[in-house]
Amino acid sequence: MKKRLWLAASLLVVMALLAGGCGQPKGIKPLTDEEKDSFIEIALNTPEALRYLENESKYEIEVRWVALGWEDSKATEWHPLDYEEIADGNLPSDRLYLSQTVTIHPEVYIRVGEPVRMFVSVAFDRDTQEVVHVQLLPGRPTRGPTPAHGSQVITMEVAYTMRGEQSQLIIFEDGAVRYIEEKGLRFPTPGSPAIRIKRKGQLPEEELSSLIEFFRGSHFDGLDESYSWSSVPQSDMNCTISIDYQDLTKTVRASGYLTYDGDMSYPDMPYPLDEIYKKLKYIAQNRTEEVARENIP
């Protein structure tokens, strides 16, 4: 009888070990206070944080989670996350991830200065408590009197001449998003008039900073001013993307490219134009809500 019990217990141990060795665990446990304190201490003593903290007495710290996208062992995407979004061990399905490999990490997010002049994000390997990535994001400078939402930082205008459609996305320096679509412009009739749809939204501070950093890190400013599919356009698509932020000012136009997924992407556009287009398209559709719909006279 004892032999049978011993064999059964041994079998259960083996099965547990096998189950534990197959990929990541299903769920992610919340960070303990000890872990948070340790991550904060390490983050505050990274060279990147020390560089900005040595002359700044005011700063705020937040411990949270972040999803990092990787290409060739380099972090190319940064998505702040709430614990509730990843408690089950899975990435949120309502986010757009461009990288093939995306991992979840604890993060210490430091806001340096008041007003904030630098954001320092330090991501960790939870098991080893080693720093896996440090992201520096400049704060938005204070200015004189501005409109309610400040200056326009990023814009995207897309037009389809033959289709009779056009849209404009504007992201302001406070994260406010305005998106306008116009349809039925080519052959409007009293029974089927052209319509204008207005949408509004708000990007969190860190999401806007991450988006700006993607423009900078992907060398958007190194692109030519215009691109086209060929001397003979393959479609009626015309797209203009602009950014005007601190020392980064650039406008790029693209025309004639083909889409294979209903205008969600244009993979033949040069890097990083298509990736930026997809990010802005995602914001227009998923970070805004319709506030008005009207006929165009």
C-alpha atoms as a PDB file:
ATOM      1  CA  MET A   1       0.000   0.000   0.000  1.00  0.00           C
ATOM      2  CA  LYS A   2       2.831   2.416   0.912  1.00  0.00           C
ATOM      3  CA  LYS A   3       4.553   1.565  -2.364  1.00  0.00           C
ATOM      4  CA  ARG A   4       1.425   2.473  -4.332  1.00  0.00           C
ATOM      5  CA  LEU A   5       1.075   5.775  -2.478  1.00  0.00           C
ATOM      6  CA  TRP A   6       4.736   6.578  -3.092  1.00  0.00           C
ATOM      7  CA  LEU A   7       4.358   5.845  -6.811  1.00  0.00           C
ATOM      8  CA  ALA A   8       1.222   7.987  -7.035  1.00  0.00           C
ATOM      9  CA  ALA A   9       2.894  10.893  -5.218  1.00  0.00           C
ATOM     10  CA  SER A  10       5.971  10.600  -7.456  1.00  0.00           C
ATOM     11  CA  LEU A  11       3.770  10.657 -10.538  1.00  0.00           C
ATOM     12  CA  LEU A  12       2.021  13.819  -9.330  1.00  0.00           C
ATOM     13  CA  VAL A  13       5.374  15.528  -8.725  1.00  0.00           C
ATOM     14  CA  VAL A  14       6.603  14.631 -12.226  1.00  0.00           C
ATOM     15  CA  MET A  15       3.373  15.900 -13.799  1.00  0.00           C
ATOM     16  CA  ALA A  16       3.648  19.158 -11.850  1.00  0.00           C
ATOM     17  CA  LEU A  17       7.239  19.650 -12.963  1.00  0.00           C
ATOM     18  CA  LEU A  18       6.322  18.985 -16.577  1.00  0.00           C
ATOM     19  CA  ALA A  19       3.398  21.391 -16.388  1.00  0.00           C
ATOM     20  CA  GLY A  20       5.571  24.046 -14.800  1.00  0.00           C
ATOM     21  CA  GLY A  21       8.171  23.758 -17.539  1.00  0.00           C
ATOM     22  CA  CYS A  22       5.808  24.267 -20.459  1.00  0.00           C
ATOM     23  CA  GLY A  23       5.939  27.994 -21.318  1.00  0.00           C
ATOM     24  CA  GLN A  24       4.982  30.895 -19.089  1.00  0.00           C
ATOM     25  CA  PRO A  25       2.543  30.453 -16.199  1.00  0.00           C
ATOM     26  CA  LYS A  26      -1.095  31.142 -16.941  1.00  0.00           C
ATOM     27  CA  GLY A  27      -1.395  34.051 -14.555  1.00  0.00           C
ATOM     28  CA  ILE A  28       0.824  36.826 -13.242  1.00  0.00           C
ATOM     29  CA  LYS A  29       0.910  37.478  -9.509  1.00  0.00           C
ATOM     30  CA  PRO A  30       0.775  41.088  -8.274  1.00  0.00           C
ATOM     31  CA  LEU A  31       4.078  42.656  -7.280  1.00  0.00           C
ATOM     32  CA  THR A  32       4.898  42.441  -3.584  1.00  0.00           C
ATOM     33  CA  ASP A  33       5.903  45.514  -1.585  1.00  0.00           C
ATOM     34  CA  GLU A  34       9.416  44.089  -1.350  1.00  0.00           C
ATOM     35  CA  GLU A  35       9.632  43.762  -5.124  1.00  0.00           C
ATOM     36  CA  LYS A  36       8.344  47.302  -5.646  1.00  0.00           C
ATOM     37  CA  ASP A  37      10.849  48.754  -3.183  1.00  0.00           C
ATOM     38  CA  SER A  38      13.702  46.861  -4.829  1.00  0.00           C
ATOM     39  CA  PHE A  39      12.716  47.926  -8.354  1.00  0.00           C
ATOM     40  CA  ILE A  40      12.372  51.564  -7.270  1.00  0.00           C
ATOM     41  CA  GLU A  41      15.817  51.578  -5.645  1.00  0.00           C
ATOM     42  CA  ILE A  42      17.423  50.062  -8.736  1.00  0.00           C
ATOM     43  CA  ALA A  43      15.576  52.401 -11.122  1.00  0.00           C
ATOM     44  CA  LEU A  44      16.564  55.538  -9.193  1.00  0.00           C
ATOM     45  CA  ASN A  45      20.205  54.500  -9.397  1.00  0.00           C
ATOM     46  CA  THR A  46      20.358  53.779 -13.110  1.00  0.00           C
ATOM     47  CA  PRO A  47      22.708  56.142 -14.973  1.00  0.00           C
ATOM     48  CA  GLU A  48      19.797  57.462 -17.028  1.00  0.00           C
ATOM     49  CA  ALA A  49      17.741  58.412 -13.959  1.00  0.00           C
ATOM     50  CA  LEU A  50      20.700  59.835 -12.030  1.00  0.00           C
ATOM     51  CA  ARG A  51      21.552  62.116 -14.934  1.00  0.00           C
ATOM     52  CA  TYR A  52      18.235  63.944 -14.580  1.00  0.00           C
ATOM     53  CA  LEU A  53      17.669  63.584 -10.839  1.00  0.00           C
ATOM     54  CA  GLU A  54      20.979  65.053  -9.699  1.00  0.00           C
ATOM     55  CA  ASN A  55      19.760  68.601 -10.405  1.00  0.00           C
ATOM     56  CA  GLU A  56      16.055  68.041  -9.764  1.00  0.00           C
ATOM     57  CA  SER A  57      14.472  67.717  -6.319  1.00  0.00           C
ATOM     58  CA  LYS A  58      10.915  67.093  -7.507  1.00  0.00           C
ATOM     59  CA  TYR A  59       9.925  63.819  -9.081  1.00  0.00           C
ATOM     60  CA  GLU A  60       7.114  61.266  -8.979  1.00  0.00           C
ATOM     61  CA  ILE A  61       7.375  57.473  -9.139  1.00  0.00           C
ATOM     62  CA  GLU A  62       4.838  54.944 -10.349  1.00  0.00           C
ATOM     63  CA  VAL A  63       5.303  51.171 -10.348  1.00  0.00           C
ATOM     64  CA  ARG A  64       3.269  49.452 -13.027  1.00  0.00           C
ATOM     65  CA  TRP A  65       3.562  46.997 -15.929  1.00  0.00           C
ATOM     66  CA  VAL A  66       4.731  47.421 -19.498  1.00  0.00           C
ATOM     67  CA  ALA A  67       4.704  45.358 -22.696  1.00  0.00           C
ATOM     68  CA  LEU A  68       7.893  45.586 -24.745  1.00  0.00           C
ATOM     69  CA  GLY A  69       8.102  44.690 -28.427  1.00  0.00           C
ATOM     70  CA  TRP A  70      11.438  43.331 -29.620  1.00  0.00           C
ATOM     71  CA  GLU A  71      13.231  43.298 -32.959  1.00  0.00           C
ATOM     72  CA  ASP A  72      16.791  41.883 -33.188  1.00  0.00           C
ATOM     73  CA  SER A  73      17.162  41.969 -29.373  1.00  0.00           C
ATOM     74  CA  LYS A  74      16.260  45.674 -29.310  1.00  0.00           C
ATOM     75  CA  ALA A  75      13.111  47.064 -27.717  1.00  0.00           C
ATOM     76  CA  THR A  76      11.169  48.866 -30.446  1.00  0.00           C
ATOM     77  CA  GLU A  77       7.721  49.151 -28.787  1.00  0.00           C
ATOM     78  CA  TRP A  78       6.581  50.272 -25.346  1.00  0.00           C
ATOM     79  CA  HIS A  79       3.005  49.811 -24.122  1.00  0.00           C
ATOM     80  CA  PRO A  80       2.090  50.816 -20.515  1.00  0.00           C
ATOM     81  CA  LEU A  81      -0.356  48.353 -18.939  1.00  0.00           C
ATOM     82  CA  ASP A  82      -2.593  48.097 -15.894  1.00  0.00           C
ATOM     83  CA  TYR A  83      -2.226  44.947 -13.804  1.00  0.00           C
ATOM     84  CA  GLU A  84      -5.848  43.986 -14.477  1.00  0.00           C
ATOM     85  CA  GLU A  85      -5.061  43.859 -18.203  1.00  0.00           C
ATOM     86  CA  ILE A  86      -2.365  41.197 -17.860  1.00  0.00           C
ATOM     87  CA  ALA A  87      -3.313  39.354 -14.655  1.00  0.00           C
ATOM     88  CA  ASP A  88      -4.219  36.273 -16.697  1.00  0.00           C
ATOM     89  CA  GLY A  89      -0.779  36.261 -18.334  1.00  0.00           C
ATOM     90  CA  ASN A  90      -2.065  37.414 -21.731  1.00  0.00           C
ATOM     91  CA  LEU A  91      -1.574  40.661 -23.614  1.00  0.00           C
ATOM     92  CA  PRO A  92      -4.644  42.911 -24.019  1.00  0.00           C
ATOM     93  CA  SER A  93      -6.379  42.144 -27.297  1.00  0.00           C
ATOM     94  CA  ASP A  94      -7.384  45.773 -27.904  1.00  0.00           C
ATOM     95  CA  ARG A  95      -3.796  46.929 -28.472  1.00  0.00           C
ATOM     96  CA  LEU A  96      -1.819  46.961 -31.710  1.00  0.00           C
ATOM     97  CA  TYR A  97       1.534  45.181 -31.500  1.00  0.00           C
ATOM     98  CA  LEU A  98       3.844  45.544 -34.488  1.00  0.00           C
ATOM     99  CA  SER A  99       6.666  43.347 -33.193  1.00  0.00           C
ATOM    100  CA  GLN A 100       6.650  39.549 -33.503  1.00  0.00           C
ATOM    101  CA  THR A 101       7.979  39.159 -29.947  1.00  0.00           C
ATOM    102  CA  VAL A 102       6.229  41.011 -27.107  1.00  0.00           C
ATOM    103  CA  THR A 103       7.045  40.446 -23.423  1.00  0.00           C
ATOM    104  CA  ILE A 104       5.488  41.687 -20.167  1.00  0.00           C
ATOM    105  CA  HIS A 105       7.646  43.334 -17.484  1.00  0.00           C
ATOM    106  CA  PRO A 106       7.371  45.278 -14.227  1.00  0.00           C
ATOM    107  CA  GLU A 107       8.200  48.945 -14.813  1.00  0.00           C
ATOM    108  CA  VAL A 108       9.225  51.908 -12.686  1.00  0.00           C
ATOM    109  CA  TYR A 109       8.002  55.117 -14.328  1.00  0.00           C
ATOM    110  CA  ILE A 110       9.696  58.305 -13.108  1.00  0.00           C
ATOM    111  CA  ARG A 111       8.353  61.778 -13.867  1.00  0.00           C
ATOM    112  CA  VAL A 112      11.239  64.186 -13.381  1.00  0.00           C
ATOM    113  CA  GLY A 113      10.545  67.841 -12.607  1.00  0.00           C
ATOM    114  CA  GLU A 114       7.468  69.997 -12.159  1.00  0.00           C
ATOM    115  CA  PRO A 115       6.356  70.565 -14.827  1.00  0.00           C
ATOM    116  CA  VAL A 116       7.730  67.281 -16.122  1.00  0.00           C
ATOM    117  CA  ARG A 117      10.851  67.741 -18.242  1.00  0.00           C
ATOM    118  CA  MET A 118      11.753  64.057 -18.622  1.00  0.00           C
ATOM    119  CA  PHE A 119      10.025  60.687 -18.273  1.00  0.00           C
ATOM    120  CA  VAL A 120      12.296  57.778 -17.348  1.00  0.00           C
ATOM    121  CA  SER A 121      10.875  54.284 -17.832  1.00  0.00           C
ATOM    122  CA  VAL A 122      12.859  51.361 -16.388  1.00  0.00           C
ATOM    123  CA  ALA A 123      11.653  47.840 -17.228  1.00  0.00           C
ATOM    124  CA  PHE A 124      12.807  44.753 -15.335  1.00  0.00           C
ATOM    125  CA  ASP A 125      13.098  41.011 -15.605  1.00  0.00           C
ATOM    126  CA  ARG A 126      10.985  40.077 -12.607  1.00  0.00           C
ATOM    127  CA  ASP A 127      12.855  36.873 -11.803  1.00  0.00           C
ATOM    128  CA  THR A 128      16.394  38.289 -11.894  1.00  0.00           C
ATOM    129  CA  GLN A 129      15.477  41.921 -11.092  1.00  0.00           C
ATOM    130  CA  GLU A 130      17.818  42.979 -13.902  1.00  0.00           C
ATOM    131  CA  VAL A 131      17.078  46.046 -16.018  1.00  0.00           C
ATOM    132  CA  VAL A 132      16.036  44.954 -19.516  1.00  0.00           C
ATOM    133  CA  HIS A 133      15.225  48.357 -21.035  1.00  0.00           C
ATOM    134  CA  VAL A 134      15.362  52.068 -20.214  1.00  0.00           C
ATOM    135  CA  GLN A 135      13.196  54.499 -22.171  1.00  0.00           C
ATOM    136  CA  LEU A 136      13.714  58.274 -22.019  1.00  0.00           C
ATOM    137  CA  LEU A 137      10.828  60.481 -23.132  1.00  0.00           C
ATOM    138  CA  PRO A 138      11.186  64.282 -23.106  1.00  0.00           C
ATOM    139  CA  GLY A 139       8.445  66.193 -21.328  1.00  0.00           C
ATOM    140  CA  ARG A 140       6.426  68.703 -23.263  1.00  0.00           C
ATOM    141  CA  PRO A 141       7.817  72.210 -22.720  1.00  0.00           C
ATOM    142  CA  THR A 142       5.761  74.954 -21.114  1.00  0.00           C
ATOM    143  CA  ARG A 143       4.752  77.754 -23.442  1.00  0.00           C
ATOM    144  CA  GLY A 144       2.809  80.972 -23.464  1.00  0.00           C
ATOM    145  CA  PRO A 145      -0.961  81.147 -23.957  1.00  0.00           C
ATOM    146  CA  THR A 146      -2.188  78.460 -26.377  1.00  0.00           C
ATOM    147  CA  PRO A 147      -5.548  77.155 -27.584  1.00  0.00           C
ATOM    148  CA  ALA A 148      -7.509  74.894 -25.231  1.00  0.00           C
ATOM    149  CA  HIS A 149      -5.547  71.773 -26.224  1.00  0.00           C
ATOM    150  CA  GLY A 150      -2.255  73.441 -27.094  1.00  0.00           C
ATOM    151  CA  SER A 151      -0.520  73.115 -30.436  1.00  0.00           C
ATOM    152  CA  GLN A 152      -1.052  70.367 -32.976  1.00  0.00           C
ATOM    153  CA  VAL A 153       1.700  67.781 -32.579  1.00  0.00           C
ATOM    154  CA  ILE A 154       0.789  65.033 -35.065  1.00  0.00           C
ATOM    155  CA  THR A 155      -1.573  65.097 -38.042  1.00  0.00           C
ATOM    156  CA  MET A 156      -2.575  62.598 -40.699  1.00  0.00           C
ATOM    157  CA  GLU A 157      -4.693  63.415 -43.733  1.00  0.00           C
ATOM    158  CA  VAL A 158      -5.878  60.649 -46.057  1.00  0.00           C
ATOM    159  CA  ALA A 159      -7.873  61.114 -49.262  1.00  0.00           C
ATOM    160  CA  TYR A 160      -9.329  58.721 -51.833  1.00  0.00           C
ATOM    161  CA  THR A 161     -10.250  60.795 -54.878  1.00  0.00           C
ATOM    162  CA  MET A 162     -12.192  58.229 -56.892  1.00  0.00           C
ATOM    163  CA  ARG A 163     -13.928  56.925 -53.788  1.00  0.00           C
ATOM    164  CA  GLY A 164     -14.926  60.402 -52.691  1.00  0.00           C
ATOM    165  CA  GLU A 165     -13.607  59.986 -49.149  1.00  0.00           C
ATOM    166  CA  GLN A 166     -11.178  61.899 -46.972  1.00  0.00           C
ATOM    167  CA  SER A 167     -10.199  62.044 -43.306  1.00  0.00           C
ATOM    168  CA  GLN A 168      -8.111  64.148 -40.950  1.00  0.00           C
ATOM    169  CA  LEU A 169      -6.597  63.049 -37.632  1.00  0.00           C
ATOM    170  CA  ILE A 170      -5.154  65.666 -35.258  1.00  0.00           C
ATOM    171  CA  ILE A 171      -3.340  64.933 -31.992  1.00  0.00           C
ATOM    172  CA  PHE A 172      -2.701  67.933 -29.755  1.00  0.00           C
ATOM    173  CA  GLU A 173       0.107  68.428 -27.245  1.00  0.00           C
ATOM    174  CA  ASP A 174      -2.183  67.656 -24.287  1.00  0.00           C
ATOM    175  CA  GLY A 175      -3.155  64.321 -25.879  1.00  0.00           C
ATOM    176  CA  ALA A 176      -6.540  65.442 -27.201  1.00  0.00           C
ATOM    177  CA  VAL A 177      -7.511  63.623 -30.405  1.00  0.00           C
ATOM    178  CA  ARG A 178      -9.819  64.953 -33.114  1.00  0.00           C
ATOM    179  CA  TYR A 179     -10.804  62.821 -36.089  1.00  0.00           C
ATOM    180  CA  ILE A 180     -13.049  63.843 -38.993  1.00  0.00           C
ATOM    181  CA  GLU A 181     -14.214  61.579 -41.819  1.00  0.00           C
ATOM    182  CA  GLU A 182     -16.060  62.744 -44.917  1.00  0.00           C
ATOM    183  CA  LYS A 183     -17.730  60.242 -47.242  1.00  0.00           C
ATOM    184  CA  GLY A 184     -19.824  60.337 -50.397  1.00  0.00           C
ATOM    185  CA  LEU A 185     -18.083  63.455 -51.702  1.00  0.00           C
ATOM    186  CA  ARG A 186     -17.856  62.456 -55.345  1.00  0.00           C
ATOM    187  CA  PHE A 187     -21.495  61.987 -56.381  1.00  0.00           C
ATOM    188  CA  PRO A 188     -23.739  63.302 -53.582  1.00  0.00           C
ATOM    189  CA  THR A 189     -27.481  63.420 -54.199  1.00  0.00           C
ATOM    190  CA  PRO A 190     -30.417  64.715 -52.143  1.00  0.00           C
ATOM    191  CA  GLY A 191     -31.278  61.121 -51.332  1.00  0.00           C
ATOM    192  CA  SER A 192     -27.678  60.143 -50.597  1.00  0.00           C
ATOM    193  CA  PRO A 193     -25.818  63.240 -49.405  1.00  0.00           C
ATOM    194  CA  ALA A 194     -22.185  63.420 -48.443  1.00  0.00           C
ATOM    195  CA  ILE A 195     -21.702  63.042 -44.700  1.00  0.00           C
ATOM    196  CA  ARG A 196     -19.204  64.282 -42.139  1.00  0.00           C
ATOM    197  CA  ILE A 197     -18.453  62.231 -39.002  1.00  0.00           C
ATOM    198  CA  LYS A 198     -16.696  63.878 -36.068  1.00  0.00           C
ATOM    199  CA  ARG A 199     -14.932  61.874 -33.362  1.00  0.00           C
ATOM    200  CA  LYS A 200     -13.071  62.900 -30.187  1.00  0.00           C
ATOM    201  CA  GLY A 201     -10.726  61.149 -27.793  1.00  0.00           C
ATOM    202  CA  GLN A 202      -7.873  61.537 -25.346  1.00  0.00           C
ATOM    203  CA  LEU A 203      -4.465  59.826 -25.284  1.00  0.00           C
ATOM    204  CA  PRO A 204      -2.829  59.220 -21.904  1.00  0.00           C
ATOM    205  CA  GLU A 205       0.326  61.244 -21.364  1.00  0.00           C
ATOM    206  CA  GLU A 206       2.619  58.230 -21.625  1.00  0.00           C
ATOM    207  CA  GLU A 207       0.945  56.923 -24.794  1.00  0.00           C
ATOM    208  CA  LEU A 208       1.483  60.245 -26.575  1.00  0.00           C
ATOM    209  CA  SER A 209       5.088  60.372 -25.362  1.00  0.00           C
ATOM    210  CA  SER A 210       5.652  56.826 -26.597  1.00  0.00           C
ATOM    211  CA  LEU A 211       4.160  57.707 -29.987  1.00  0.00           C
ATOM    212  CA  ILE A 212       6.409  60.762 -30.334  1.00  0.00           C
ATOM    213  CA  GLU A 213       9.407  58.673 -29.356  1.00  0.00           C
ATOM    214  CA  PHE A 214       8.528  56.151 -32.081  1.00  0.00           C
ATOM    215  CA  PHE A 215       8.631  58.959 -34.652  1.00  0.00           C
ATOM    216  CA  ARG A 216      12.033  59.952 -33.311  1.00  0.00           C
ATOM    217  CA  GLY A 217      13.485  56.473 -32.853  1.00  0.00           C
ATOM    218  CA  SER A 218      12.349  55.217 -36.261  1.00  0.00           C
ATOM    219  CA  HIS A 219      14.072  58.188 -37.968  1.00  0.00           C
ATOM    220  CA  PHE A 220      10.896  59.539 -39.519  1.00  0.00           C
ATOM    221  CA  ASP A 221      12.748  62.803 -40.066  1.00  0.00           C
ATOM    222  CA  GLY A 222      15.181  60.989 -42.382  1.00  0.00           C
ATOM    223  CA  LEU A 223      12.479  60.095 -44.917  1.00  0.00           C
ATOM    224  CA  ASP A 224      12.087  61.912 -48.216  1.00  0.00           C
ATOM    225  CA  GLU A 225       9.299  64.451 -48.506  1.00  0.00           C
ATOM    226  CA  SER A 226       7.197  62.313 -50.851  1.00  0.00           C
ATOM    227  CA  TYR A 227       6.825  58.732 -52.047  1.00  0.00           C
ATOM    228  CA  SER A 228       4.697  57.051 -54.679  1.00  0.00           C
ATOM    229  CA  TRP A 229       4.151  53.441 -55.657  1.00  0.00           C
ATOM    230  CA  SER A 230       5.545  54.049 -59.139  1.00  0.00           C
ATOM    231  CA  SER A 231       5.233  56.456 -62.019  1.00  0.00           C
ATOM    232  CA  VAL A 232       1.822  54.851 -62.612  1.00  0.00           C
ATOM    233  CA  PRO A 233      -0.276  54.995 -59.367  1.00  0.00           C
ATOM    234  CA  GLN A 234      -1.907  51.723 -58.342  1.00  0.00           C
ATOM    235  CA  SER A 235      -4.669  53.355 -56.283  1.00  0.00           C
ATOM    236  CA  ASP A 236      -6.296  56.729 -55.560  1.00  0.00           C
ATOM    237  CA  MET A 237      -4.815  56.853 -52.065  1.00  0.00           C
ATOM    238  CA  ASN A 238      -3.072  60.034 -50.899  1.00  0.00           C
ATOM    239  CA  CYS A 239      -1.671  60.237 -47.372  1.00  0.00           C
ATOM    240  CA  THR A 240       0.140  63.053 -45.573  1.00  0.00           C
ATOM    241  CA  ILE A 241       1.660  62.560 -42.105  1.00  0.00           C
ATOM    242  CA  SER A 242       3.225  65.412 -40.122  1.00  0.00           C
ATOM    243  CA  ILE A 243       4.851  65.894 -36.739  1.00  0.00           C
ATOM    244  CA  ASP A 244       5.828  69.185 -35.118  1.00  0.00           C
ATOM    245  CA  TYR A 245       7.357  68.651 -31.692  1.00  0.00           C
ATOM    246  CA  GLN A 246      10.405  70.392 -30.238  1.00  0.00           C
ATOM    247  CA  ASP A 247      13.264  69.815 -32.717  1.00  0.00           C
ATOM    248  CA  LEU A 248      11.329  67.199 -34.714  1.00  0.00           C
ATOM    249  CA  THR A 249       9.448  68.803 -37.602  1.00  0.00           C
ATOM    250  CA  LYS A 250       8.690  66.752 -40.698  1.00  0.00           C
ATOM    251  CA  THR A 251       5.947  66.198 -43.284  1.00  0.00           C
ATOM    252  CA  VAL A 252       5.882  63.143 -45.547  1.00  0.00           C
ATOM    253  CA  ARG A 253       3.433  62.453 -48.365  1.00  0.00           C
ATOM    254  CA  ALA A 254       2.653  59.092 -49.991  1.00  0.00           C
ATOM    255  CA  SER A 255       0.370  58.273 -52.905  1.00  0.00           C
ATOM    256  CA  GLY A 256      -0.757  55.446 -55.138  1.00  0.00           C
ATOM    257  CA  TYR A 257      -0.050  52.572 -52.729  1.00  0.00           C
ATOM    258  CA  LEU A 258      -2.196  49.453 -52.464  1.00  0.00           C
ATOM    259  CA  THR A 259      -3.919  48.155 -49.360  1.00  0.00           C
ATOM    260  CA  TYR A 260      -4.679  44.485 -48.839  1.00  0.00           C
ATOM    261  CA  ASP A 261      -6.763  44.759 -45.663  1.00  0.00           C
ATOM    262  CA  GLY A 262      -9.324  47.499 -46.198  1.00  0.00           C
ATOM    263  CA  ASP A 263      -7.116  50.566 -45.604  1.00  0.00           C
ATOM    264  CA  MET A 264      -5.762  49.253 -42.290  1.00  0.00           C
ATOM    265  CA  SER A 265      -2.213  49.189 -43.659  1.00  0.00           C
ATOM    266  CA  TYR A 266      -0.103  49.946 -46.723  1.00  0.00           C
ATOM    267  CA  PRO A 267       2.792  47.461 -46.378  1.00  0.00           C
ATOM    268  CA  ASP A 268       4.566  48.629 -49.531  1.00  0.00           C
ATOM    269  CA  MET A 269       5.195  52.100 -48.122  1.00  0.00           C
ATOM    270  CA  PRO A 270       8.784  52.572 -46.894  1.00  0.00           C
ATOM    271  CA  TYR A 271       9.598  52.024 -43.223  1.00  0.00           C
ATOM    272  CA  PRO A 272       8.537  53.558 -40.884  1.00  0.00           C
ATOM    273  CA  LEU A 273       5.688  55.162 -42.852  1.00  0.00           C
ATOM    274  CA  ASP A 274       3.390  52.129 -42.817  1.00  0.00           C
ATOM    275  CA  GLU A 275       4.020  51.440 -39.107  1.00  0.00           C
ATOM    276  CA  ILE A 276       3.185  55.043 -38.233  1.00  0.00           C
ATOM    277  CA  TYR A 277       0.113  54.940 -40.472  1.00  0.00           C
ATOM    278  CA  LYS A 278      -1.106  51.810 -38.644  1.00  0.00           C
ATOM    279  CA  LYS A 279      -0.551  53.384 -35.239  1.00  0.00           C
ATOM    280  CA  LEU A 280      -2.465  56.535 -36.220  1.00  0.00           C
ATOM    281  CA  LYS A 281      -5.238  54.542 -37.887  1.00  0.00           C
ATOM    282  CA  TYR A 282      -5.572  52.502 -34.699  1.00  0.00           C
ATOM    283  CA  ILE A 283      -5.819  55.669 -32.600  1.00  0.00           C
ATOM    284  CA  ALA A 284      -8.497  57.100 -34.910  1.00  0.00           C
ATOM    285  CA  GLN A 285     -10.629  53.967 -34.631  1.00  0.00           C
ATOM    286  CA  ASN A 286      -9.976  52.835 -31.062  1.00  0.00           C
ATOM    287  CA  ARG A 287      -9.124  55.948 -29.058  1.00  0.00           C
ATOM    288  CA  THR A 288     -12.020  58.131 -30.204  1.00  0.00           C
ATOM    289  CA  GLU A 289     -15.808  58.114 -29.980  1.00  0.00           C
ATOM    290  CA  GLU A 290     -18.310  59.597 -32.409  1.00  0.00           C
ATOM    291  CA  VAL A 291     -19.721  62.920 -31.210  1.00  0.00           C
ATOM    292  CA  ALA A 292     -21.491  64.255 -34.314  1.00  0.00           C
ATOM    293  CA  ARG A 293     -22.739  63.179 -37.741  1.00  0.00           C
ATOM    294  CA  GLU A 294     -23.989  65.697 -40.288  1.00  0.00           C
ATOM    295  CA  ASN A 295     -24.786  66.087 -43.945  1.00  0.00           C
ATOM    296  CA  ILE A 296     -22.378  68.144 -46.013  1.00  0.00           C
ATOM    297  CA  PRO A 297     -24.220  70.864 -47.988  1.00  0.00           C
END
